[in-house]
Each structure stands twice: as structure tokens, then as C-alpha cells.
Amino acid sequence: QVQLVESGGGLVQAGGSLRLSCAASGRTFRLYTMGWFRQAPGKEREFVARIDQGGVKPSYTDSVKGRFTISRDNANNTVTLQMTNLRLEDTAVYYCAGRLPLLSTWSAWGQGTQVTVSS
């Protein structure tokens, strides 16, 4: 099981950018599909983006398409989420997560990093 640690959250004005990073421990990182989720106050945790083991098939929730980019570096055990043109509604705690092949459950989770977008 990989251990995940997020960084890069903070306070940014609407229209600004942030880059979130997730560092993974362990030698099995390359086996995991990696994803980002977020949870806003009073709301359910929601899927944001994911990327497959090889980093060639990213997918996004509709609300972030064209603004967020997920990428991974298997040599350095990292996954990033580049966020641009941030909106007030992007304010949430962002979580990095990992899922092994053929499993539907996201089994590895980071502790989360806060992103706050101000007007």
C-alpha cells in the first residue's frame, strides 16, 4: 500500500492558479491509477481527475475540464494537479488517492490539502 502526502494548497484569488503535488512512498506507485478528489464544506467528497498507470489517459469531472491538468511522474513517485482559472466553487479540501488495477475501491488516501479561492 502506498502512503500519500499532498502539498501545494493555499489561498488564491479567483482566476488564479495553484499546483497541487502528491508524493507517494513505496515501489508500487506505478501500479496505481491515481486520482484527485475534493470535499467542500457541507458537501460529499467528489471526483476531480484521475490518470492511469502509464499517464496517458487522464479524465476529469466536467466542471474542471479545460482548467485542471493531472499528470504523474513514475520515476519520482509523484502526481500533480495543475489548477488554472480557479473559481470560488473550487474551494475545498483536495485529496490524492490511489487505486489498484481491477479494483473499484480507492484504497490509498492522503490527508488532504486546503484550497481556498477568494473573490
PDB file of N, CA and C in Angstrom:
ATOM      1  N   GLN A   1       0.846  -1.198   0.000  1.00  0.00           N
ATOM      2  CA  GLN A   1       0.000   0.000   0.000  1.00  0.00           C
ATOM      3  C   GLN A   1       0.879   1.244   0.000  1.00  0.00           C
ATOM      4  N   VAL A   2       0.622   2.137  -0.921  1.00  0.00           N
ATOM      5  CA  VAL A   2       1.388   3.375  -0.943  1.00  0.00           C
ATOM      6  C   VAL A   2       0.871   4.325   0.135  1.00  0.00           C
ATOM      7  N   GLN A   3       1.768   5.170   0.610  1.00  0.00           N
ATOM      8  CA  GLN A   3       1.406   6.258   1.520  1.00  0.00           C
ATOM      9  C   GLN A   3       1.465   7.541   0.708  1.00  0.00           C
ATOM     10  N   LEU A   4       0.454   8.395   0.879  1.00  0.00           N
ATOM     11  CA  LEU A   4       0.334   9.580   0.041  1.00  0.00           C
ATOM     12  C   LEU A   4       0.346  10.841   0.894  1.00  0.00           C
ATOM     13  N   VAL A   5       1.086  11.845   0.426  1.00  0.00           N
ATOM     14  CA  VAL A   5       1.169  13.124   1.134  1.00  0.00           C
ATOM     15  C   VAL A   5       0.993  14.253   0.124  1.00  0.00           C
ATOM     16  N   GLU A   6      -0.053  15.058   0.316  1.00  0.00           N
ATOM     17  CA  GLU A   6      -0.323  16.180  -0.574  1.00  0.00           C
ATOM     18  C   GLU A   6       0.373  17.439  -0.090  1.00  0.00           C
ATOM     19  N   SER A   7       0.619  18.340  -1.025  1.00  0.00           N
ATOM     20  CA  SER A   7       1.147  19.663  -0.698  1.00  0.00           C
ATOM     21  C   SER A   7       0.723  20.626  -1.793  1.00  0.00           C
ATOM     22  N   GLY A   8       0.872  21.919  -1.508  1.00  0.00           N
ATOM     23  CA  GLY A   8       0.628  22.914  -2.534  1.00  0.00           C
ATOM     24  C   GLY A   8      -0.667  23.683  -2.410  1.00  0.00           C
ATOM     25  N   GLY A   9      -1.479  23.344  -1.435  1.00  0.00           N
ATOM     26  CA  GLY A   9      -2.721  24.083  -1.270  1.00  0.00           C
ATOM     27  C   GLY A   9      -2.461  25.478  -0.740  1.00  0.00           C
ATOM     28  N   GLY A  10      -3.512  26.297  -0.700  1.00  0.00           N
ATOM     29  CA  GLY A  10      -3.353  27.644  -0.187  1.00  0.00           C
ATOM     30  C   GLY A  10      -4.519  28.520  -0.567  1.00  0.00           C
ATOM     31  N   LEU A  11      -4.304  29.820  -0.401  1.00  0.00           N
ATOM     32  CA  LEU A  11      -5.313  30.828  -0.706  1.00  0.00           C
ATOM     33  C   LEU A  11      -4.953  31.510  -2.015  1.00  0.00           C
ATOM     34  N   VAL A  12      -5.909  31.605  -2.905  1.00  0.00           N
ATOM     35  CA  VAL A  12      -5.665  32.220  -4.205  1.00  0.00           C
ATOM     36  C   VAL A  12      -6.914  32.989  -4.622  1.00  0.00           C
ATOM     37  N   GLN A  13      -6.713  34.057  -5.378  1.00  0.00           N
ATOM     38  CA  GLN A  13      -7.854  34.812  -5.877  1.00  0.00           C
ATOM     39  C   GLN A  13      -8.490  34.100  -7.061  1.00  0.00           C
ATOM     40  N   ALA A  14      -9.756  34.358  -7.246  1.00  0.00           N
ATOM     41  CA  ALA A  14     -10.457  33.803  -8.398  1.00  0.00           C
ATOM     42  C   ALA A  14      -9.726  34.189  -9.677  1.00  0.00           C
ATOM     43  N   GLY A  15      -9.598  33.214 -10.565  1.00  0.00           N
ATOM     44  CA  GLY A  15      -8.858  33.411 -11.802  1.00  0.00           C
ATOM     45  C   GLY A  15      -7.397  33.030 -11.702  1.00  0.00           C
ATOM     46  N   GLY A  16      -6.935  32.791 -10.497  1.00  0.00           N
ATOM     47  CA  GLY A  16      -5.546  32.427 -10.287  1.00  0.00           C
ATOM     48  C   GLY A  16      -5.282  30.955 -10.476  1.00  0.00           C
ATOM     49  N   SER A  17      -4.054  30.557 -10.161  1.00  0.00           N
ATOM     50  CA  SER A  17      -3.612  29.182 -10.374  1.00  0.00           C
ATOM     51  C   SER A  17      -2.945  28.629  -9.126  1.00  0.00           C
ATOM     52  N   LEU A  18      -3.038  27.320  -8.986  1.00  0.00           N
ATOM     53  CA  LEU A  18      -2.315  26.596  -7.952  1.00  0.00           C
ATOM     54  C   LEU A  18      -1.880  25.258  -8.520  1.00  0.00           C
ATOM     55  N   ARG A  19      -0.806  24.731  -7.951  1.00  0.00           N
ATOM     56  CA  ARG A  19      -0.326  23.412  -8.351  1.00  0.00           C
ATOM     57  C   ARG A  19      -0.258  22.537  -7.112  1.00  0.00           C
ATOM     58  N   LEU A  20      -1.044  21.482  -7.125  1.00  0.00           N
ATOM     59  CA  LEU A  20      -1.023  20.523  -6.024  1.00  0.00           C
ATOM     60  C   LEU A  20      -0.098  19.362  -6.383  1.00  0.00           C
ATOM     61  N   SER A  21       0.628  18.896  -5.382  1.00  0.00           N
ATOM     62  CA  SER A  21       1.502  17.742  -5.574  1.00  0.00           C
ATOM     63  C   SER A  21       1.148  16.654  -4.574  1.00  0.00           C
ATOM     64  N   CYS A  22       1.389  15.432  -4.983  1.00  0.00           N
ATOM     65  CA  CYS A  22       1.151  14.276  -4.125  1.00  0.00           C
ATOM     66  C   CYS A  22       2.382  13.379  -4.225  1.00  0.00           C
ATOM     67  N   ALA A  23       3.032  13.185  -3.116  1.00  0.00           N
ATOM     68  CA  ALA A  23       4.217  12.330  -3.070  1.00  0.00           C
ATOM     69  C   ALA A  23       3.828  10.976  -2.500  1.00  0.00           C
ATOM     70  N   ALA A  24       4.248   9.928  -3.177  1.00  0.00           N
ATOM     71  CA  ALA A  24       3.901   8.573  -2.769  1.00  0.00           C
ATOM     72  C   ALA A  24       5.143   7.813  -2.322  1.00  0.00           C
ATOM     73  N   SER A  25       4.982   7.049  -1.272  1.00  0.00           N
ATOM     74  CA  SER A  25       6.066   6.183  -0.824  1.00  0.00           C
ATOM     75  C   SER A  25       5.852   4.791  -1.415  1.00  0.00           C
ATOM     76  N   GLY A  26       6.899   3.989  -1.422  1.00  0.00           N
ATOM     77  CA  GLY A  26       6.756   2.609  -1.868  1.00  0.00           C
ATOM     78  C   GLY A  26       7.099   2.420  -3.328  1.00  0.00           C
ATOM     79  N   ARG A  27       7.414   1.184  -3.653  1.00  0.00           N
ATOM     80  CA  ARG A  27       7.853   0.865  -5.013  1.00  0.00           C
ATOM     81  C   ARG A  27       6.712   0.434  -5.924  1.00  0.00           C
ATOM     82  N   THR A  28       5.471   0.453  -5.416  1.00  0.00           N
ATOM     83  CA  THR A  28       4.346   0.007  -6.228  1.00  0.00           C
ATOM     84  C   THR A  28       3.544   1.156  -6.803  1.00  0.00           C
ATOM     85  N   PHE A  29       4.031   2.379  -6.662  1.00  0.00           N
ATOM     86  CA  PHE A  29       3.288   3.547  -7.136  1.00  0.00           C
ATOM     87  C   PHE A  29       2.884   3.385  -8.597  1.00  0.00           C
ATOM     88  N   ARG A  30       3.763   2.879  -9.413  1.00  0.00           N
ATOM     89  CA  ARG A  30       3.494   2.800 -10.850  1.00  0.00           C
ATOM     90  C   ARG A  30       2.327   1.869 -11.178  1.00  0.00           C
ATOM     91  N   LEU A  31       1.932   1.018 -10.216  1.00  0.00           N
ATOM     92  CA  LEU A  31       0.832   0.092 -10.444  1.00  0.00           C
ATOM     93  C   LEU A  31      -0.535   0.738 -10.219  1.00  0.00           C
ATOM     94  N   TYR A  32      -0.535   1.875  -9.580  1.00  0.00           N
ATOM     95  CA  TYR A  32      -1.783   2.509  -9.171  1.00  0.00           C
ATOM     96  C   TYR A  32      -2.320   3.473 -10.216  1.00  0.00           C
ATOM     97  N   THR A  33      -3.613   3.419 -10.445  1.00  0.00           N
ATOM     98  CA  THR A  33      -4.304   4.556 -11.022  1.00  0.00           C
ATOM     99  C   THR A  33      -4.373   5.613  -9.926  1.00  0.00           C
ATOM    100  N   MET A  34      -4.040   6.850 -10.276  1.00  0.00           N
ATOM    101  CA  MET A  34      -4.019   7.922  -9.283  1.00  0.00           C
ATOM    102  C   MET A  34      -5.116   8.933  -9.583  1.00  0.00           C
ATOM    103  N   GLY A  35      -5.628   9.513  -8.524  1.00  0.00           N
ATOM    104  CA  GLY A  35      -6.710  10.464  -8.715  1.00  0.00           C
ATOM    105  C   GLY A  35      -6.667  11.592  -7.703  1.00  0.00           C
ATOM    106  N   TRP A  36      -7.440  12.599  -7.991  1.00  0.00           N
ATOM    107  CA  TRP A  36      -7.673  13.709  -7.067  1.00  0.00           C
ATOM    108  C   TRP A  36      -9.179  13.814  -6.817  1.00  0.00           C
ATOM    109  N   PHE A  37      -9.499  14.009  -5.562  1.00  0.00           N
ATOM    110  CA  PHE A  37     -10.874  14.218  -5.142  1.00  0.00           C
ATOM    111  C   PHE A  37     -10.908  15.505  -4.328  1.00  0.00           C
ATOM    112  N   ARG A  38     -12.099  16.021  -4.104  1.00  0.00           N
ATOM    113  CA  ARG A  38     -12.214  17.207  -3.257  1.00  0.00           C
ATOM    114  C   ARG A  38     -13.509  17.149  -2.453  1.00  0.00           C
ATOM    115  N   GLN A  39     -13.471  17.840  -1.330  1.00  0.00           N
ATOM    116  CA  GLN A  39     -14.658  17.915  -0.484  1.00  0.00           C
ATOM    117  C   GLN A  39     -14.812  19.336   0.026  1.00  0.00           C
ATOM    118  N   ALA A  40     -15.904  19.950  -0.392  1.00  0.00           N
ATOM    119  CA  ALA A  40     -16.231  21.294   0.062  1.00  0.00           C
ATOM    120  C   ALA A  40     -17.040  21.193   1.355  1.00  0.00           C
ATOM    121  N   PRO A  41     -17.052  22.262   2.143  1.00  0.00           N
ATOM    122  CA  PRO A  41     -17.801  22.234   3.406  1.00  0.00           C
ATOM    123  C   PRO A  41     -19.264  21.883   3.185  1.00  0.00           C
ATOM    124  N   GLY A  42     -19.747  20.908   3.935  1.00  0.00           N
ATOM    125  CA  GLY A  42     -21.141  20.514   3.856  1.00  0.00           C
ATOM    126  C   GLY A  42     -21.510  19.688   2.646  1.00  0.00           C
ATOM    127  N   LYS A  43     -20.503  19.283   1.875  1.00  0.00           N
ATOM    128  CA  LYS A  43     -20.775  18.509   0.663  1.00  0.00           C
ATOM    129  C   LYS A  43     -20.071  17.161   0.708  1.00  0.00           C
ATOM    130  N   GLU A  44     -20.522  16.264  -0.167  1.00  0.00           N
ATOM    131  CA  GLU A  44     -19.897  14.966  -0.299  1.00  0.00           C
ATOM    132  C   GLU A  44     -18.538  15.112  -1.011  1.00  0.00           C
ATOM    133  N   ARG A  45     -17.663  14.174  -0.741  1.00  0.00           N
ATOM    134  CA  ARG A  45     -16.403  14.143  -1.492  1.00  0.00           C
ATOM    135  C   ARG A  45     -16.714  13.814  -2.940  1.00  0.00           C
ATOM    136  N   GLU A  46     -16.066  14.511  -3.869  1.00  0.00           N
ATOM    137  CA  GLU A  46     -16.336  14.283  -5.285  1.00  0.00           C
ATOM    138  C   GLU A  46     -15.050  14.059  -6.056  1.00  0.00           C
ATOM    139  N   PHE A  47     -15.201  13.294  -7.114  1.00  0.00           N
ATOM    140  CA  PHE A  47     -14.097  13.015  -8.019  1.00  0.00           C
ATOM    141  C   PHE A  47     -13.723  14.275  -8.793  1.00  0.00           C
ATOM    142  N   VAL A  48     -12.434  14.497  -8.972  1.00  0.00           N
ATOM    143  CA  VAL A  48     -11.950  15.624  -9.763  1.00  0.00           C
ATOM    144  C   VAL A  48     -11.242  15.156 -11.025  1.00  0.00           C
ATOM    145  N   ALA A  49     -10.265  14.281 -10.858  1.00  0.00           N
ATOM    146  CA  ALA A  49      -9.468  13.836 -12.011  1.00  0.00           C
ATOM    147  C   ALA A  49      -8.775  12.528 -11.671  1.00  0.00           C
ATOM    148  N   ARG A  50      -8.435  11.774 -12.713  1.00  0.00           N
ATOM    149  CA  ARG A  50      -7.639  10.566 -12.500  1.00  0.00           C
ATOM    150  C   ARG A  50      -6.730  10.359 -13.689  1.00  0.00           C
ATOM    151  N   ILE A  51      -5.711   9.546 -13.471  1.00  0.00           N
ATOM    152  CA  ILE A  51      -4.751   9.249 -14.525  1.00  0.00           C
ATOM    153  C   ILE A  51      -4.315   7.803 -14.372  1.00  0.00           C
ATOM    154  N   ASP A  52      -4.177   7.099 -15.478  1.00  0.00           N
ATOM    155  CA  ASP A  52      -3.857   5.676 -15.409  1.00  0.00           C
ATOM    156  C   ASP A  52      -2.384   5.466 -15.108  1.00  0.00           C
ATOM    157  N   GLN A  53      -2.008   4.198 -14.995  1.00  0.00           N
ATOM    158  CA  GLN A  53      -0.650   3.866 -14.580  1.00  0.00           C
ATOM    159  C   GLN A  53       0.409   4.478 -15.497  1.00  0.00           C
ATOM    160  N   GLY A  54       0.124   4.483 -16.776  1.00  0.00           N
ATOM    161  CA  GLY A  54       1.101   4.997 -17.734  1.00  0.00           C
ATOM    162  C   GLY A  54       1.023   6.494 -17.955  1.00  0.00           C
ATOM    163  N   GLY A  55       0.022   7.122 -17.378  1.00  0.00           N
ATOM    164  CA  GLY A  55      -0.095   8.571 -17.505  1.00  0.00           C
ATOM    165  C   GLY A  55      -0.611   9.051 -18.838  1.00  0.00           C
ATOM    166  N   VAL A  56      -1.296   8.189 -19.597  1.00  0.00           N
ATOM    167  CA  VAL A  56      -1.719   8.591 -20.941  1.00  0.00           C
ATOM    168  C   VAL A  56      -3.234   8.735 -21.071  1.00  0.00           C
ATOM    169  N   LYS A  57      -3.978   8.433 -20.048  1.00  0.00           N
ATOM    170  CA  LYS A  57      -5.436   8.502 -20.144  1.00  0.00           C
ATOM    171  C   LYS A  57      -6.027   9.297 -18.989  1.00  0.00           C
ATOM    172  N   PRO A  58      -5.783  10.601 -18.953  1.00  0.00           N
ATOM    173  CA  PRO A  58      -6.400  11.391 -17.893  1.00  0.00           C
ATOM    174  C   PRO A  58      -7.890  11.572 -18.142  1.00  0.00           C
ATOM    175  N   SER A  59      -8.624  11.702 -17.073  1.00  0.00           N
ATOM    176  CA  SER A  59     -10.043  12.031 -17.191  1.00  0.00           C
ATOM    177  C   SER A  59     -10.408  13.006 -16.082  1.00  0.00           C
ATOM    178  N   TYR A  60     -11.445  13.786 -16.321  1.00  0.00           N
ATOM    179  CA  TYR A  60     -11.801  14.889 -15.435  1.00  0.00           C
ATOM    180  C   TYR A  60     -13.306  14.969 -15.247  1.00  0.00           C
ATOM    181  N   THR A  61     -13.700  15.493 -14.128  1.00  0.00           N
ATOM    182  CA  THR A  61     -15.096  15.844 -13.979  1.00  0.00           C
ATOM    183  C   THR A  61     -15.368  17.066 -14.848  1.00  0.00           C
ATOM    184  N   ASP A  62     -16.603  17.191 -15.308  1.00  0.00           N
ATOM    185  CA  ASP A  62     -16.921  18.224 -16.284  1.00  0.00           C
ATOM    186  C   ASP A  62     -16.580  19.631 -15.801  1.00  0.00           C
ATOM    187  N   SER A  63     -16.755  19.897 -14.538  1.00  0.00           N
ATOM    188  CA  SER A  63     -16.592  21.268 -14.051  1.00  0.00           C
ATOM    189  C   SER A  63     -15.147  21.762 -14.084  1.00  0.00           C
ATOM    190  N   VAL A  64     -14.182  20.864 -14.236  1.00  0.00           N
ATOM    191  CA  VAL A  64     -12.779  21.293 -14.252  1.00  0.00           C
ATOM    192  C   VAL A  64     -12.115  21.084 -15.616  1.00  0.00           C
ATOM    193  N   LYS A  65     -12.827  20.509 -16.557  1.00  0.00           N
ATOM    194  CA  LYS A  65     -12.239  20.274 -17.879  1.00  0.00           C
ATOM    195  C   LYS A  65     -11.793  21.581 -18.500  1.00  0.00           C
ATOM    196  N   GLY A  66     -10.587  21.569 -19.036  1.00  0.00           N
ATOM    197  CA  GLY A  66     -10.031  22.762 -19.658  1.00  0.00           C
ATOM    198  C   GLY A  66      -9.351  23.703 -18.676  1.00  0.00           C
ATOM    199  N   ARG A  67      -9.493  23.434 -17.375  1.00  0.00           N
ATOM    200  CA  ARG A  67      -8.871  24.286 -16.370  1.00  0.00           C
ATOM    201  C   ARG A  67      -7.850  23.531 -15.527  1.00  0.00           C
ATOM    202  N   PHE A  68      -8.094  22.254 -15.272  1.00  0.00           N
ATOM    203  CA  PHE A  68      -7.197  21.444 -14.451  1.00  0.00           C
ATOM    204  C   PHE A  68      -6.478  20.426 -15.333  1.00  0.00           C
ATOM    205  N   THR A  69      -5.244  20.125 -14.958  1.00  0.00           N
ATOM    206  CA  THR A  69      -4.473  19.103 -15.650  1.00  0.00           C
ATOM    207  C   THR A  69      -3.813  18.188 -14.626  1.00  0.00           C
ATOM    208  N   ILE A  70      -4.065  16.892 -14.773  1.00  0.00           N
ATOM    209  CA  ILE A  70      -3.427  15.904 -13.900  1.00  0.00           C
ATOM    210  C   ILE A  70      -2.262  15.275 -14.644  1.00  0.00           C
ATOM    211  N   SER A  71      -1.183  15.029 -13.944  1.00  0.00           N
ATOM    212  CA  SER A  71      -0.024  14.378 -14.550  1.00  0.00           C
ATOM    213  C   SER A  71       0.686  13.563 -13.471  1.00  0.00           C
ATOM    214  N   ARG A  72       1.558  12.683 -13.919  1.00  0.00           N
ATOM    215  CA  ARG A  72       2.294  11.855 -12.965  1.00  0.00           C
ATOM    216  C   ARG A  72       3.719  11.643 -13.428  1.00  0.00           C
ATOM    217  N   ASP A  73       4.584  11.393 -12.480  1.00  0.00           N
ATOM    218  CA  ASP A  73       5.993  11.094 -12.750  1.00  0.00           C
ATOM    219  C   ASP A  73       6.300   9.807 -11.994  1.00  0.00           C
ATOM    220  N   ASN A  74       6.291   8.690 -12.711  1.00  0.00           N
ATOM    221  CA  ASN A  74       6.506   7.407 -12.049  1.00  0.00           C
ATOM    222  C   ASN A  74       7.945   7.240 -11.548  1.00  0.00           C
ATOM    223  N   ALA A  75       8.877   7.947 -12.155  1.00  0.00           N
ATOM    224  CA  ALA A  75      10.269   7.857 -11.704  1.00  0.00           C
ATOM    225  C   ALA A  75      10.438   8.487 -10.326  1.00  0.00           C
ATOM    226  N   ASN A  76       9.637   9.490 -10.042  1.00  0.00           N
ATOM    227  CA  ASN A  76       9.743  10.211  -8.774  1.00  0.00           C
ATOM    228  C   ASN A  76       8.554  10.010  -7.850  1.00  0.00           C
ATOM    229  N   ASN A  77       7.664   9.090  -8.227  1.00  0.00           N
ATOM    230  CA  ASN A  77       6.511   8.768  -7.378  1.00  0.00           C
ATOM    231  C   ASN A  77       5.671   9.986  -7.021  1.00  0.00           C
ATOM    232  N   THR A  78       5.353  10.779  -8.018  1.00  0.00           N
ATOM    233  CA  THR A  78       4.540  11.959  -7.752  1.00  0.00           C
ATOM    234  C   THR A  78       3.386  12.073  -8.756  1.00  0.00           C
ATOM    235  N   VAL A  79       2.346  12.694  -8.298  1.00  0.00           N
ATOM    236  CA  VAL A  79       1.233  13.048  -9.168  1.00  0.00           C
ATOM    237  C   VAL A  79       0.877  14.498  -8.856  1.00  0.00           C
ATOM    238  N   THR A  80       0.581  15.258  -9.881  1.00  0.00           N
ATOM    239  CA  THR A  80       0.294  16.670  -9.689  1.00  0.00           C
ATOM    240  C   THR A  80      -1.062  17.031 -10.275  1.00  0.00           C
ATOM    241  N   LEU A  81      -1.606  18.108  -9.762  1.00  0.00           N
ATOM    242  CA  LEU A  81      -2.842  18.660 -10.302  1.00  0.00           C
ATOM    243  C   LEU A  81      -2.596  20.151 -10.506  1.00  0.00           C
ATOM    244  N   GLN A  82      -2.451  20.535 -11.761  1.00  0.00           N
ATOM    245  CA  GLN A  82      -2.281  21.939 -12.100  1.00  0.00           C
ATOM    246  C   GLN A  82      -3.667  22.538 -12.272  1.00  0.00           C
ATOM    247  N   MET A  83      -3.955  23.568 -11.491  1.00  0.00           N
ATOM    248  CA  MET A  83      -5.287  24.175 -11.500  1.00  0.00           C
ATOM    249  C   MET A  83      -5.164  25.618 -11.969  1.00  0.00           C
ATOM    250  N   THR A  84      -5.883  25.966 -12.993  1.00  0.00           N
ATOM    251  CA  THR A  84      -5.870  27.322 -13.522  1.00  0.00           C
ATOM    252  C   THR A  84      -7.288  27.885 -13.549  1.00  0.00           C
ATOM    253  N   ASN A  85      -7.367  29.203 -13.727  1.00  0.00           N
ATOM    254  CA  ASN A  85      -8.661  29.872 -13.795  1.00  0.00           C
ATOM    255  C   ASN A  85      -9.581  29.407 -12.657  1.00  0.00           C
ATOM    256  N   LEU A  86      -9.051  29.446 -11.448  1.00  0.00           N
ATOM    257  CA  LEU A  86      -9.785  28.928 -10.305  1.00  0.00           C
ATOM    258  C   LEU A  86     -11.030  29.757 -10.025  1.00  0.00           C
ATOM    259  N   ARG A  87     -12.051  29.062  -9.583  1.00  0.00           N
ATOM    260  CA  ARG A  87     -13.336  29.677  -9.266  1.00  0.00           C
ATOM    261  C   ARG A  87     -13.645  29.524  -7.787  1.00  0.00           C
ATOM    262  N   LEU A  88     -14.560  30.343  -7.311  1.00  0.00           N
ATOM    263  CA  LEU A  88     -14.948  30.253  -5.897  1.00  0.00           C
ATOM    264  C   LEU A  88     -15.397  28.838  -5.544  1.00  0.00           C
ATOM    265  N   GLU A  89     -16.088  28.207  -6.481  1.00  0.00           N
ATOM    266  CA  GLU A  89     -16.632  26.870  -6.206  1.00  0.00           C
ATOM    267  C   GLU A  89     -15.580  25.777  -6.197  1.00  0.00           C
ATOM    268  N   ASP A  90     -14.341  26.122  -6.505  1.00  0.00           N
ATOM    269  CA  ASP A  90     -13.253  25.145  -6.402  1.00  0.00           C
ATOM    270  C   ASP A  90     -12.719  25.050  -4.977  1.00  0.00           C
ATOM    271  N   THR A  91     -13.187  25.908  -4.103  1.00  0.00           N
ATOM    272  CA  THR A  91     -12.755  25.874  -2.715  1.00  0.00           C
ATOM    273  C   THR A  91     -13.143  24.547  -2.075  1.00  0.00           C
ATOM    274  N   ALA A  92     -12.151  23.852  -1.531  1.00  0.00           N
ATOM    275  CA  ALA A  92     -12.382  22.522  -0.953  1.00  0.00           C
ATOM    276  C   ALA A  92     -11.070  22.000  -0.368  1.00  0.00           C
ATOM    277  N   VAL A  93     -11.193  20.910   0.353  1.00  0.00           N
ATOM    278  CA  VAL A  93     -10.012  20.125   0.704  1.00  0.00           C
ATOM    279  C   VAL A  93      -9.791  19.133  -0.427  1.00  0.00           C
ATOM    280  N   TYR A  94      -8.592  19.111  -0.945  1.00  0.00           N
ATOM    281  CA  TYR A  94      -8.259  18.242  -2.066  1.00  0.00           C
ATOM    282  C   TYR A  94      -7.458  17.045  -1.568  1.00  0.00           C
ATOM    283  N   TYR A  95      -7.863  15.877  -2.035  1.00  0.00           N
ATOM    284  CA  TYR A  95      -7.248  14.626  -1.611  1.00  0.00           C
ATOM    285  C   TYR A  95      -6.659  13.886  -2.804  1.00  0.00           C
ATOM    286  N   CYS A  96      -5.491  13.372  -2.600  1.00  0.00           N
ATOM    287  CA  CYS A  96      -4.857  12.470  -3.545  1.00  0.00           C
ATOM    288  C   CYS A  96      -5.264  11.043  -3.182  1.00  0.00           C
ATOM    289  N   ALA A  97      -5.498  10.205  -4.191  1.00  0.00           N
ATOM    290  CA  ALA A  97      -5.925   8.841  -3.919  1.00  0.00           C
ATOM    291  C   ALA A  97      -5.336   7.880  -4.942  1.00  0.00           C
ATOM    292  N   GLY A  98      -5.214   6.623  -4.538  1.00  0.00           N
ATOM    293  CA  GLY A  98      -4.689   5.598  -5.426  1.00  0.00           C
ATOM    294  C   GLY A  98      -5.587   4.385  -5.462  1.00  0.00           C
ATOM    295  N   ARG A  99      -5.640   3.760  -6.635  1.00  0.00           N
ATOM    296  CA  ARG A  99      -6.489   2.590  -6.839  1.00  0.00           C
ATOM    297  C   ARG A  99      -5.714   1.553  -7.634  1.00  0.00           C
ATOM    298  N   LEU A 100      -5.735   0.320  -7.136  1.00  0.00           N
ATOM    299  CA  LEU A 100      -5.038  -0.748  -7.851  1.00  0.00           C
ATOM    300  C   LEU A 100      -5.878  -1.247  -9.027  1.00  0.00           C
ATOM    301  N   PRO A 101      -5.229  -1.832 -10.021  1.00  0.00           N
ATOM    302  CA  PRO A 101      -5.961  -2.326 -11.193  1.00  0.00           C
ATOM    303  C   PRO A 101      -7.043  -3.337 -10.831  1.00  0.00           C
ATOM    304  N   LEU A 102      -8.121  -3.303 -11.545  1.00  0.00           N
ATOM    305  CA  LEU A 102      -9.247  -4.225 -11.416  1.00  0.00           C
ATOM    306  C   LEU A 102     -10.034  -4.050 -10.126  1.00  0.00           C
ATOM    307  N   LEU A 103      -9.668  -3.068  -9.345  1.00  0.00           N
ATOM    308  CA  LEU A 103     -10.420  -2.790  -8.124  1.00  0.00           C
ATOM    309  C   LEU A 103     -11.212  -1.504  -8.294  1.00  0.00           C
ATOM    310  N   SER A 104     -12.408  -1.480  -7.752  1.00  0.00           N
ATOM    311  CA  SER A 104     -13.227  -0.285  -7.866  1.00  0.00           C
ATOM    312  C   SER A 104     -13.012   0.666  -6.689  1.00  0.00           C
ATOM    313  N   THR A 105     -12.349   0.186  -5.664  1.00  0.00           N
ATOM    314  CA  THR A 105     -12.178   0.993  -4.460  1.00  0.00           C
ATOM    315  C   THR A 105     -10.862   1.753  -4.492  1.00  0.00           C
ATOM    316  N   TRP A 106     -10.933   3.016  -4.141  1.00  0.00           N
ATOM    317  CA  TRP A 106      -9.732   3.810  -3.953  1.00  0.00           C
ATOM    318  C   TRP A 106      -9.208   3.488  -2.553  1.00  0.00           C
ATOM    319  N   SER A 107      -8.090   2.771  -2.502  1.00  0.00           N
ATOM    320  CA  SER A 107      -7.637   2.209  -1.233  1.00  0.00           C
ATOM    321  C   SER A 107      -6.595   3.054  -0.511  1.00  0.00           C
ATOM    322  N   ALA A 108      -5.947   3.929  -1.236  1.00  0.00           N
ATOM    323  CA  ALA A 108      -4.911   4.758  -0.625  1.00  0.00           C
ATOM    324  C   ALA A 108      -5.347   6.214  -0.679  1.00  0.00           C
ATOM    325  N   TRP A 109      -5.215   6.913   0.448  1.00  0.00           N
ATOM    326  CA  TRP A 109      -5.645   8.312   0.531  1.00  0.00           C
ATOM    327  C   TRP A 109      -4.613   9.144   1.272  1.00  0.00           C
ATOM    328  N   GLY A 110      -4.453  10.371   0.818  1.00  0.00           N
ATOM    329  CA  GLY A 110      -3.648  11.319   1.557  1.00  0.00           C
ATOM    330  C   GLY A 110      -4.483  12.019   2.608  1.00  0.00           C
ATOM    331  N   GLN A 111      -3.850  12.926   3.323  1.00  0.00           N
ATOM    332  CA  GLN A 111      -4.525  13.612   4.429  1.00  0.00           C
ATOM    333  C   GLN A 111      -5.306  14.826   3.955  1.00  0.00           C
ATOM    334  N   GLY A 112      -5.059  15.262   2.745  1.00  0.00           N
ATOM    335  CA  GLY A 112      -5.779  16.394   2.181  1.00  0.00           C
ATOM    336  C   GLY A 112      -5.019  17.702   2.311  1.00  0.00           C
ATOM    337  N   THR A 113      -5.289  18.595   1.382  1.00  0.00           N
ATOM    338  CA  THR A 113      -4.709  19.932   1.415  1.00  0.00           C
ATOM    339  C   THR A 113      -5.792  20.945   1.064  1.00  0.00           C
ATOM    340  N   GLN A 114      -5.839  22.032   1.801  1.00  0.00           N
ATOM    341  CA  GLN A 114      -6.911  23.008   1.636  1.00  0.00           C
ATOM    342  C   GLN A 114      -6.616  23.957   0.485  1.00  0.00           C
ATOM    343  N   VAL A 115      -7.604  24.136  -0.366  1.00  0.00           N
ATOM    344  CA  VAL A 115      -7.557  25.141  -1.424  1.00  0.00           C
ATOM    345  C   VAL A 115      -8.710  26.105  -1.182  1.00  0.00           C
ATOM    346  N   THR A 116      -8.377  27.373  -1.055  1.00  0.00           N
ATOM    347  CA  THR A 116      -9.396  28.394  -0.839  1.00  0.00           C
ATOM    348  C   THR A 116      -9.275  29.444  -1.928  1.00  0.00           C
ATOM    349  N   VAL A 117     -10.371  29.650  -2.648  1.00  0.00           N
ATOM    350  CA  VAL A 117     -10.416  30.635  -3.713  1.00  0.00           C
ATOM    351  C   VAL A 117     -11.262  31.810  -3.238  1.00  0.00           C
ATOM    352  N   SER A 118     -10.679  33.001  -3.275  1.00  0.00           N
ATOM    353  CA  SER A 118     -11.366  34.192  -2.797  1.00  0.00           C
ATOM    354  C   SER A 118     -11.752  35.106  -3.958  1.00  0.00           C
ATOM    355  N   SER A 119     -12.720  35.943  -3.711  1.00  0.00           N
ATOM    356  CA  SER A 119     -13.190  36.866  -4.770  1.00  0.00           C
ATOM    357  C   SER A 119     -12.376  38.150  -4.772  1.00  0.00           C
TER     358      SER A 119
END
